Amino acid sequence: MKQIIIADDDPGIRDVFDILFKRHGYNATIYANAELLMHNDFELPDLFIIDKQLSGVDGLELCRFLKAQESTRDIPVIIISASPYISTLAMDAGADEFLEKPFRVKELLSIVQKHILNINSL
């Protein structure tokens, strides 16, 4: 089962992600902030999904951190945000993909599948 780590500070969104990914055969570990992730206190996933607006550490800062670490630099990071400038901000932070809120579930699942399949083909 593919492992996804999600960081989002909105409890409603976390619940939706948990249900959605379990229903589609993924194992999701969900964090309310970036604290443990910034201390490398997690099992390596196949993919990260990070909200830009996290409490404490900004999601873009977390993305930069993950992409700078040898153990996580090759793991795809998807940034999600309601910011109209998320495409530029996410790419500048080193994200592999971005998704603007509100998003369609099918679009999210398609992006996740694309990046997990790319990992498998390496």
C-alpha atoms as a PDB file:
ATOM      1  CA  MET A   1       0.000   0.000   0.000  1.00  0.00           C
ATOM      2  CA  LYS A   2       1.414   3.380  -1.002  1.00  0.00           C
ATOM      3  CA  GLN A   3       2.143   5.808   1.825  1.00  0.00           C
ATOM      4  CA  ILE A   4       1.192   9.495   1.633  1.00  0.00           C
ATOM      5  CA  ILE A   5       2.097  12.096   4.252  1.00  0.00           C
ATOM      6  CA  ILE A   6      -0.272  15.045   4.434  1.00  0.00           C
ATOM      7  CA  ALA A   7       0.252  18.277   6.374  1.00  0.00           C
ATOM      8  CA  ASP A   8      -2.847  20.482   6.710  1.00  0.00           C
ATOM      9  CA  ASP A   9      -4.025  22.503   9.682  1.00  0.00           C
ATOM     10  CA  ASP A  10      -7.733  22.411   8.778  1.00  0.00           C
ATOM     11  CA  PRO A  11      -9.419  19.509  10.660  1.00  0.00           C
ATOM     12  CA  GLY A  12     -12.209  19.235   8.071  1.00  0.00           C
ATOM     13  CA  ILE A  13      -9.734  18.940   5.206  1.00  0.00           C
ATOM     14  CA  ARG A  14      -7.707  16.371   7.159  1.00  0.00           C
ATOM     15  CA  ASP A  15     -10.848  14.257   7.609  1.00  0.00           C
ATOM     16  CA  VAL A  16     -11.650  14.473   3.895  1.00  0.00           C
ATOM     17  CA  PHE A  17      -8.101  13.443   2.948  1.00  0.00           C
ATOM     18  CA  ASP A  18      -8.184  10.535   5.396  1.00  0.00           C
ATOM     19  CA  ILE A  19     -11.452   9.156   4.003  1.00  0.00           C
ATOM     20  CA  LEU A  20     -10.552   9.849   0.373  1.00  0.00           C
ATOM     21  CA  PHE A  21      -7.151   8.202   0.376  1.00  0.00           C
ATOM     22  CA  LYS A  22      -8.229   5.174   2.420  1.00  0.00           C
ATOM     23  CA  ARG A  23     -11.130   4.659   0.021  1.00  0.00           C
ATOM     24  CA  HIS A  24      -8.698   4.692  -2.909  1.00  0.00           C
ATOM     25  CA  GLY A  25      -6.192   2.258  -1.413  1.00  0.00           C
ATOM     26  CA  TYR A  26      -3.578   4.600   0.016  1.00  0.00           C
ATOM     27  CA  ASN A  27      -2.241   4.734   3.546  1.00  0.00           C
ATOM     28  CA  ALA A  28      -2.332   8.378   4.681  1.00  0.00           C
ATOM     29  CA  THR A  29      -0.493   9.761   7.683  1.00  0.00           C
ATOM     30  CA  ILE A  30      -1.851  13.198   8.453  1.00  0.00           C
ATOM     31  CA  TYR A  31      -0.225  15.968  10.461  1.00  0.00           C
ATOM     32  CA  ALA A  32      -1.853  19.183  11.704  1.00  0.00           C
ATOM     33  CA  ASN A  33       1.431  21.110  11.403  1.00  0.00           C
ATOM     34  CA  ALA A  34       4.995  20.704  10.179  1.00  0.00           C
ATOM     35  CA  GLU A  35       6.740  20.259  13.531  1.00  0.00           C
ATOM     36  CA  LEU A  36       7.486  16.523  13.355  1.00  0.00           C
ATOM     37  CA  LEU A  37       8.228  16.726   9.647  1.00  0.00           C
ATOM     38  CA  MET A  38      10.804  19.482  10.212  1.00  0.00           C
ATOM     39  CA  HIS A  39      12.544  17.148  12.686  1.00  0.00           C
ATOM     40  CA  ASN A  40      12.507  14.162  10.302  1.00  0.00           C
ATOM     41  CA  ASP A  41      10.314  12.302  12.796  1.00  0.00           C
ATOM     42  CA  PHE A  42       8.341  10.172  10.319  1.00  0.00           C
ATOM     43  CA  GLU A  43       8.584   7.088   8.129  1.00  0.00           C
ATOM     44  CA  LEU A  44       9.474   7.906   4.545  1.00  0.00           C
ATOM     45  CA  PRO A  45       6.386   8.097   2.324  1.00  0.00           C
ATOM     46  CA  ASP A  46       5.896   7.715  -1.410  1.00  0.00           C
ATOM     47  CA  LEU A  47       4.479  11.259  -1.621  1.00  0.00           C
ATOM     48  CA  PHE A  48       3.932  14.433   0.420  1.00  0.00           C
ATOM     49  CA  ILE A  49       0.854  16.676   0.186  1.00  0.00           C
ATOM     50  CA  ILE A  50       1.409  19.973   1.987  1.00  0.00           C
ATOM     51  CA  ASP A  51      -0.920  22.888   2.520  1.00  0.00           C
ATOM     52  CA  LYS A  52       0.799  26.238   1.989  1.00  0.00           C
ATOM     53  CA  GLN A  53      -0.943  27.821   4.994  1.00  0.00           C
ATOM     54  CA  LEU A  54       0.265  25.714   7.917  1.00  0.00           C
ATOM     55  CA  SER A  55       0.332  27.076  11.431  1.00  0.00           C
ATOM     56  CA  GLY A  56       3.873  27.568  12.638  1.00  0.00           C
ATOM     57  CA  VAL A  57       6.044  26.682   9.646  1.00  0.00           C
ATOM     58  CA  ASP A  58       4.777  27.712   6.216  1.00  0.00           C
ATOM     59  CA  GLY A  59       4.162  24.831   3.800  1.00  0.00           C
ATOM     60  CA  LEU A  60       6.573  26.337   1.272  1.00  0.00           C
ATOM     61  CA  GLU A  61       9.311  26.382   3.907  1.00  0.00           C
ATOM     62  CA  LEU A  62       8.549  22.733   4.701  1.00  0.00           C
ATOM     63  CA  CYS A  63       8.786  21.893   1.000  1.00  0.00           C
ATOM     64  CA  ARG A  64      12.199  23.587   0.744  1.00  0.00           C
ATOM     65  CA  PHE A  65      13.343  21.661   3.821  1.00  0.00           C
ATOM     66  CA  LEU A  66      12.187  18.304   2.421  1.00  0.00           C
ATOM     67  CA  LYS A  67      13.802  18.972  -0.954  1.00  0.00           C
ATOM     68  CA  ALA A  68      17.100  19.882   0.770  1.00  0.00           C
ATOM     69  CA  GLN A  69      17.295  16.621   2.754  1.00  0.00           C
ATOM     70  CA  GLU A  70      19.058  13.686   1.124  1.00  0.00           C
ATOM     71  CA  SER A  71      16.475  11.225   2.463  1.00  0.00           C
ATOM     72  CA  THR A  72      13.444  13.110   1.090  1.00  0.00           C
ATOM     73  CA  ARG A  73      14.671  15.160  -1.896  1.00  0.00           C
ATOM     74  CA  ASP A  74      13.445  12.643  -4.467  1.00  0.00           C
ATOM     75  CA  ILE A  75      10.015  12.133  -2.891  1.00  0.00           C
ATOM     76  CA  PRO A  76       7.351  14.111  -4.784  1.00  0.00           C
ATOM     77  CA  VAL A  77       5.788  17.085  -2.992  1.00  0.00           C
ATOM     78  CA  ILE A  78       2.385  18.475  -3.951  1.00  0.00           C
ATOM     79  CA  ILE A  79       1.542  21.908  -2.533  1.00  0.00           C
ATOM     80  CA  ILE A  80      -2.123  22.823  -2.138  1.00  0.00           C
ATOM     81  CA  SER A  81      -3.352  26.346  -1.541  1.00  0.00           C
ATOM     82  CA  ALA A  82      -6.090  28.879  -2.175  1.00  0.00           C
ATOM     83  CA  SER A  83      -3.428  31.446  -3.127  1.00  0.00           C
ATOM     84  CA  PRO A  84      -3.797  32.659  -6.724  1.00  0.00           C
ATOM     85  CA  TYR A  85       0.018  32.670  -7.033  1.00  0.00           C
ATOM     86  CA  ILE A  86       0.531  29.119  -5.844  1.00  0.00           C
ATOM     87  CA  SER A  87       1.968  27.889  -9.141  1.00  0.00           C
ATOM     88  CA  THR A  88       4.954  30.242  -8.976  1.00  0.00           C
ATOM     89  CA  LEU A  89       5.388  29.953  -5.214  1.00  0.00           C
ATOM     90  CA  ALA A  90       5.249  26.144  -5.239  1.00  0.00           C
ATOM     91  CA  MET A  91       7.702  25.749  -8.103  1.00  0.00           C
ATOM     92  CA  ASP A  92      10.108  28.246  -6.503  1.00  0.00           C
ATOM     93  CA  ALA A  93       9.994  26.146  -3.315  1.00  0.00           C
ATOM     94  CA  GLY A  94      10.905  23.003  -5.274  1.00  0.00           C
ATOM     95  CA  ALA A  95       7.476  21.348  -5.315  1.00  0.00           C
ATOM     96  CA  ASP A  96       6.819  18.742  -7.977  1.00  0.00           C
ATOM     97  CA  GLU A  97       3.218  19.833  -8.419  1.00  0.00           C
ATOM     98  CA  PHE A  98       0.660  22.269  -7.080  1.00  0.00           C
ATOM     99  CA  LEU A  99      -3.089  22.253  -6.779  1.00  0.00           C
ATOM    100  CA  GLU A 100      -5.233  25.319  -6.224  1.00  0.00           C
ATOM    101  CA  LYS A 101      -8.131  25.131  -3.757  1.00  0.00           C
ATOM    102  CA  PRO A 102     -10.901  24.391  -4.249  1.00  0.00           C
ATOM    103  CA  PHE A 103      -9.869  21.366  -6.268  1.00  0.00           C
ATOM    104  CA  ARG A 104     -11.693  18.428  -7.792  1.00  0.00           C
ATOM    105  CA  VAL A 105     -11.166  15.062  -6.126  1.00  0.00           C
ATOM    106  CA  LYS A 106     -10.512  13.397  -9.493  1.00  0.00           C
ATOM    107  CA  GLU A 107      -7.822  15.964 -10.260  1.00  0.00           C
ATOM    108  CA  LEU A 108      -6.113  15.370  -6.901  1.00  0.00           C
ATOM    109  CA  LEU A 109      -6.222  11.592  -7.322  1.00  0.00           C
ATOM    110  CA  SER A 110      -4.875  11.876 -10.865  1.00  0.00           C
ATOM    111  CA  ILE A 111      -1.918  13.996  -9.726  1.00  0.00           C
ATOM    112  CA  VAL A 112      -1.184  11.643  -6.819  1.00  0.00           C
ATOM    113  CA  GLN A 113      -1.311   8.595  -9.082  1.00  0.00           C
ATOM    114  CA  LYS A 114       0.919  10.253 -11.693  1.00  0.00           C
ATOM    115  CA  HIS A 115       3.648  11.009  -9.156  1.00  0.00           C
ATOM    116  CA  ILE A 116       3.448   7.641  -7.412  1.00  0.00           C
ATOM    117  CA  LEU A 117       3.679   5.864 -10.775  1.00  0.00           C
ATOM    118  CA  ASN A 118       6.713   8.001 -11.678  1.00  0.00           C
ATOM    119  CA  ILE A 119       8.397   6.877  -8.453  1.00  0.00           C
ATOM    120  CA  ASN A 120       7.771   3.239  -9.354  1.00  0.00           C
ATOM    121  CA  SER A 121       9.295   3.632 -12.820  1.00  0.00           C
ATOM    122  CA  LEU A 122      12.636   4.983 -11.525  1.00  0.00           C
END
